[in-house]
Amino acid sequence: MADPVRLSAWVHGLVQGVGFRWWTRARALELGLVGHARNARDGRVHVVAEGPREKCESLLDLLRSGNTPGRVDLVVEDWSAAQGGISGFEER
């Protein structure tokens, strides 16, 4: 099995106050990922997910799908090695 990765995704658009973090958490748990989704002060949502690369890519595809709550205008991604020490997926 490949080494786990960390996806850090900044989601821009109308993504606060619309159930976006809850929706993201549900999708991440379905994919078996760990991490969190939290609101940023500037209106973005920051999603951090760790797990197999293909599962993180699936989450990224879902974030960009146009089928999310609210409206996603842009997703800026960053990839790195998983840091570990995370259990579950939280809304923050």
N, C-alpha and C. Protein backbone atom coordinates (compact mmCIF):
# COMPACT_ATOMS: atom_id res chain seq x y z
N MET A 1 0.83 -1.18 0.00
CA MET A 1 0.00 0.00 0.00
C MET A 1 0.88 1.25 0.00
N ALA A 2 0.50 2.25 -0.75
CA ALA A 2 1.27 3.49 -0.84
C ALA A 2 1.20 4.26 0.47
N ASP A 3 2.21 5.08 0.69
CA ASP A 3 2.22 5.91 1.89
C ASP A 3 1.06 6.89 1.86
N PRO A 4 0.43 7.13 3.02
CA PRO A 4 -0.67 8.10 3.06
C PRO A 4 -0.16 9.52 2.77
N VAL A 5 -1.08 10.33 2.28
CA VAL A 5 -0.75 11.72 1.95
C VAL A 5 -1.65 12.65 2.74
N ARG A 6 -1.29 13.94 2.70
CA ARG A 6 -2.13 14.98 3.29
C ARG A 6 -2.54 15.94 2.18
N LEU A 7 -3.84 16.13 2.07
CA LEU A 7 -4.41 17.12 1.18
C LEU A 7 -4.82 18.32 2.02
N SER A 8 -4.34 19.48 1.64
CA SER A 8 -4.79 20.73 2.24
C SER A 8 -5.47 21.52 1.12
N ALA A 9 -6.77 21.77 1.29
CA ALA A 9 -7.55 22.43 0.24
C ALA A 9 -8.24 23.66 0.80
N TRP A 10 -8.01 24.80 0.18
CA TRP A 10 -8.70 26.04 0.53
C TRP A 10 -9.84 26.22 -0.46
N VAL A 11 -11.06 26.21 0.06
CA VAL A 11 -12.25 26.26 -0.77
C VAL A 11 -12.82 27.68 -0.72
N HIS A 12 -12.90 28.32 -1.89
CA HIS A 12 -13.39 29.69 -2.03
C HIS A 12 -14.81 29.66 -2.58
N GLY A 13 -15.62 30.63 -2.17
CA GLY A 13 -16.98 30.77 -2.68
C GLY A 13 -17.94 31.00 -1.53
N LEU A 14 -19.19 30.68 -1.75
CA LEU A 14 -20.21 30.77 -0.70
C LEU A 14 -20.24 29.42 -0.01
N VAL A 15 -19.36 29.23 0.98
CA VAL A 15 -19.17 27.92 1.60
C VAL A 15 -19.30 27.95 3.12
N GLN A 16 -19.72 29.06 3.67
CA GLN A 16 -19.96 29.15 5.11
C GLN A 16 -21.44 29.39 5.36
N GLY A 17 -21.96 28.72 6.39
CA GLY A 17 -23.36 28.89 6.75
C GLY A 17 -24.33 28.15 5.84
N VAL A 18 -23.81 27.17 5.08
CA VAL A 18 -24.66 26.45 4.12
C VAL A 18 -24.57 24.92 4.29
N GLY A 19 -23.92 24.45 5.36
CA GLY A 19 -23.76 23.01 5.57
C GLY A 19 -22.57 22.40 4.86
N PHE A 20 -21.67 23.25 4.37
CA PHE A 20 -20.53 22.76 3.59
C PHE A 20 -19.59 21.89 4.42
N ARG A 21 -19.25 22.32 5.64
CA ARG A 21 -18.33 21.53 6.47
C ARG A 21 -18.94 20.18 6.83
N TRP A 22 -20.25 20.17 7.15
CA TRP A 22 -20.92 18.91 7.46
C TRP A 22 -20.88 17.99 6.25
N TRP A 23 -21.19 18.52 5.07
CA TRP A 23 -21.19 17.75 3.84
C TRP A 23 -19.79 17.18 3.57
N THR A 24 -18.76 18.02 3.75
CA THR A 24 -17.38 17.58 3.53
C THR A 24 -17.01 16.46 4.49
N ARG A 25 -17.38 16.61 5.76
CA ARG A 25 -17.10 15.58 6.77
C ARG A 25 -17.75 14.26 6.35
N ALA A 26 -19.01 14.30 5.93
CA ALA A 26 -19.71 13.08 5.52
C ALA A 26 -19.00 12.40 4.35
N ARG A 27 -18.59 13.18 3.34
CA ARG A 27 -17.91 12.60 2.18
C ARG A 27 -16.55 12.02 2.60
N ALA A 28 -15.81 12.73 3.44
CA ALA A 28 -14.49 12.25 3.88
C ALA A 28 -14.63 10.95 4.65
N LEU A 29 -15.62 10.86 5.53
CA LEU A 29 -15.81 9.62 6.30
C LEU A 29 -16.21 8.47 5.38
N GLU A 30 -17.03 8.73 4.37
CA GLU A 30 -17.38 7.70 3.40
C GLU A 30 -16.15 7.16 2.68
N LEU A 31 -15.18 8.03 2.48
CA LEU A 31 -13.94 7.64 1.80
C LEU A 31 -12.90 7.05 2.75
N GLY A 32 -13.17 7.08 4.05
CA GLY A 32 -12.24 6.54 5.03
C GLY A 32 -11.08 7.47 5.36
N LEU A 33 -11.28 8.77 5.17
CA LEU A 33 -10.23 9.75 5.43
C LEU A 33 -10.36 10.32 6.84
N VAL A 34 -9.27 10.85 7.35
CA VAL A 34 -9.25 11.56 8.63
C VAL A 34 -8.84 13.00 8.36
N GLY A 35 -9.22 13.90 9.28
CA GLY A 35 -8.84 15.30 9.13
C GLY A 35 -9.87 16.23 9.69
N HIS A 36 -10.02 17.40 9.04
CA HIS A 36 -10.99 18.39 9.50
C HIS A 36 -11.35 19.37 8.39
N ALA A 37 -12.46 20.05 8.62
CA ALA A 37 -12.88 21.17 7.77
C ALA A 37 -13.21 22.31 8.70
N ARG A 38 -12.60 23.48 8.49
CA ARG A 38 -12.85 24.60 9.38
C ARG A 38 -13.06 25.88 8.60
N ASN A 39 -13.91 26.73 9.16
CA ASN A 39 -14.15 28.03 8.56
C ASN A 39 -12.95 28.94 8.81
N ALA A 40 -12.59 29.71 7.80
CA ALA A 40 -11.56 30.74 7.94
C ALA A 40 -12.27 32.09 8.07
N ARG A 41 -11.62 33.05 8.67
CA ARG A 41 -12.22 34.37 8.88
C ARG A 41 -12.57 35.09 7.59
N ASP A 42 -11.88 34.76 6.51
CA ASP A 42 -12.10 35.46 5.23
C ASP A 42 -13.20 34.84 4.38
N GLY A 43 -13.94 33.85 4.92
CA GLY A 43 -15.05 33.25 4.20
C GLY A 43 -14.73 31.94 3.51
N ARG A 44 -13.47 31.56 3.46
CA ARG A 44 -13.10 30.27 2.87
C ARG A 44 -13.31 29.15 3.88
N VAL A 45 -13.25 27.91 3.41
CA VAL A 45 -13.19 26.73 4.27
C VAL A 45 -11.88 26.03 3.97
N HIS A 46 -11.17 25.67 5.03
CA HIS A 46 -9.90 24.95 4.90
C HIS A 46 -10.18 23.48 5.22
N VAL A 47 -9.91 22.62 4.25
CA VAL A 47 -10.10 21.18 4.41
C VAL A 47 -8.74 20.52 4.47
N VAL A 48 -8.51 19.74 5.51
CA VAL A 48 -7.29 18.94 5.64
C VAL A 48 -7.73 17.49 5.74
N ALA A 49 -7.22 16.66 4.83
CA ALA A 49 -7.58 15.24 4.81
C ALA A 49 -6.33 14.39 4.64
N GLU A 50 -6.28 13.30 5.37
CA GLU A 50 -5.17 12.36 5.24
C GLU A 50 -5.69 10.97 4.95
N GLY A 51 -4.94 10.26 4.11
CA GLY A 51 -5.27 8.89 3.75
C GLY A 51 -4.61 8.54 2.44
N PRO A 52 -5.06 7.47 1.79
CA PRO A 52 -4.50 7.10 0.50
C PRO A 52 -4.70 8.21 -0.54
N ARG A 53 -3.72 8.41 -1.39
CA ARG A 53 -3.79 9.49 -2.38
C ARG A 53 -5.06 9.42 -3.23
N GLU A 54 -5.42 8.23 -3.68
CA GLU A 54 -6.60 8.12 -4.55
C GLU A 54 -7.88 8.52 -3.82
N LYS A 55 -7.97 8.27 -2.52
CA LYS A 55 -9.15 8.67 -1.74
C LYS A 55 -9.16 10.18 -1.54
N CYS A 56 -8.00 10.77 -1.30
CA CYS A 56 -7.91 12.23 -1.17
C CYS A 56 -8.24 12.91 -2.50
N GLU A 57 -7.80 12.32 -3.60
CA GLU A 57 -8.14 12.86 -4.92
C GLU A 57 -9.65 12.78 -5.16
N SER A 58 -10.28 11.72 -4.69
CA SER A 58 -11.74 11.59 -4.82
C SER A 58 -12.44 12.70 -4.04
N LEU A 59 -11.95 12.99 -2.83
CA LEU A 59 -12.54 14.09 -2.05
C LEU A 59 -12.35 15.41 -2.78
N LEU A 60 -11.18 15.64 -3.32
CA LEU A 60 -10.91 16.86 -4.07
C LEU A 60 -11.87 16.99 -5.26
N ASP A 61 -12.08 15.89 -5.97
CA ASP A 61 -13.03 15.89 -7.10
C ASP A 61 -14.43 16.26 -6.62
N LEU A 62 -14.84 15.73 -5.46
CA LEU A 62 -16.15 16.04 -4.90
C LEU A 62 -16.26 17.52 -4.52
N LEU A 63 -15.18 18.07 -3.96
CA LEU A 63 -15.19 19.50 -3.60
C LEU A 63 -15.38 20.37 -4.83
N ARG A 64 -14.87 19.92 -5.97
CA ARG A 64 -14.94 20.68 -7.22
C ARG A 64 -16.14 20.30 -8.10
N SER A 65 -16.98 19.40 -7.64
CA SER A 65 -18.01 18.78 -8.48
C SER A 65 -19.17 19.70 -8.85
N GLY A 66 -19.40 20.75 -8.08
CA GLY A 66 -20.59 21.57 -8.31
C GLY A 66 -21.81 21.02 -7.61
N ASN A 67 -21.66 19.91 -6.88
CA ASN A 67 -22.77 19.29 -6.15
C ASN A 67 -22.63 19.45 -4.64
N THR A 68 -21.95 20.50 -4.22
CA THR A 68 -21.76 20.78 -2.80
C THR A 68 -22.84 21.75 -2.32
N PRO A 69 -23.05 21.83 -1.01
CA PRO A 69 -23.90 22.91 -0.51
C PRO A 69 -23.22 24.25 -0.81
N GLY A 70 -24.00 25.28 -1.02
CA GLY A 70 -23.44 26.60 -1.31
C GLY A 70 -22.93 26.66 -2.74
N ARG A 71 -21.83 27.39 -2.91
CA ARG A 71 -21.25 27.57 -4.24
C ARG A 71 -19.73 27.60 -4.12
N VAL A 72 -19.07 26.69 -4.80
CA VAL A 72 -17.61 26.65 -4.80
C VAL A 72 -17.13 27.35 -6.07
N ASP A 73 -16.32 28.40 -5.88
CA ASP A 73 -15.76 29.13 -7.01
C ASP A 73 -14.36 28.63 -7.39
N LEU A 74 -13.61 28.19 -6.38
CA LEU A 74 -12.21 27.81 -6.59
C LEU A 74 -11.76 26.92 -5.45
N VAL A 75 -10.95 25.91 -5.76
CA VAL A 75 -10.31 25.09 -4.73
C VAL A 75 -8.82 25.10 -5.00
N VAL A 76 -8.06 25.57 -4.04
CA VAL A 76 -6.60 25.62 -4.15
C VAL A 76 -6.05 24.49 -3.29
N GLU A 77 -5.33 23.57 -3.93
CA GLU A 77 -4.85 22.37 -3.24
C GLU A 77 -3.35 22.41 -2.98
N ASP A 78 -2.95 21.70 -1.95
CA ASP A 78 -1.54 21.51 -1.64
C ASP A 78 -1.40 20.08 -1.12
N TRP A 79 -0.36 19.39 -1.56
CA TRP A 79 -0.13 18.01 -1.18
C TRP A 79 1.17 17.89 -0.38
N SER A 80 1.15 17.01 0.62
CA SER A 80 2.36 16.71 1.38
C SER A 80 2.22 15.31 1.97
N ALA A 81 3.28 14.87 2.63
CA ALA A 81 3.22 13.57 3.32
C ALA A 81 2.28 13.69 4.51
N ALA A 82 1.58 12.62 4.81
CA ALA A 82 0.68 12.61 5.97
C ALA A 82 1.50 12.84 7.24
N GLN A 83 0.92 13.57 8.18
CA GLN A 83 1.59 13.84 9.45
C GLN A 83 1.15 12.87 10.53
N GLY A 84 -0.02 12.24 10.33
CA GLY A 84 -0.51 11.26 11.30
C GLY A 84 -1.03 11.90 12.57
N GLY A 85 -1.37 11.07 13.53
CA GLY A 85 -1.86 11.56 14.81
C GLY A 85 -3.27 12.11 14.77
N ILE A 86 -4.03 11.82 13.70
CA ILE A 86 -5.40 12.32 13.56
C ILE A 86 -6.34 11.13 13.59
N SER A 87 -7.44 11.29 14.29
CA SER A 87 -8.47 10.25 14.24
C SER A 87 -9.80 10.92 13.93
N GLY A 88 -10.60 10.29 13.09
CA GLY A 88 -11.89 10.83 12.73
C GLY A 88 -11.77 12.03 11.79
N PHE A 89 -12.89 12.65 11.54
CA PHE A 89 -12.92 13.85 10.70
C PHE A 89 -13.83 14.85 11.38
N GLU A 90 -13.30 16.02 11.72
CA GLU A 90 -14.00 17.01 12.53
C GLU A 90 -14.45 18.21 11.71
N GLU A 91 -15.55 18.79 12.15
CA GLU A 91 -15.95 20.13 11.71
C GLU A 91 -15.42 21.08 12.78
N ARG A 92 -14.66 22.06 12.37
CA ARG A 92 -14.11 23.00 13.35
C ARG A 92 -14.64 24.39 13.09
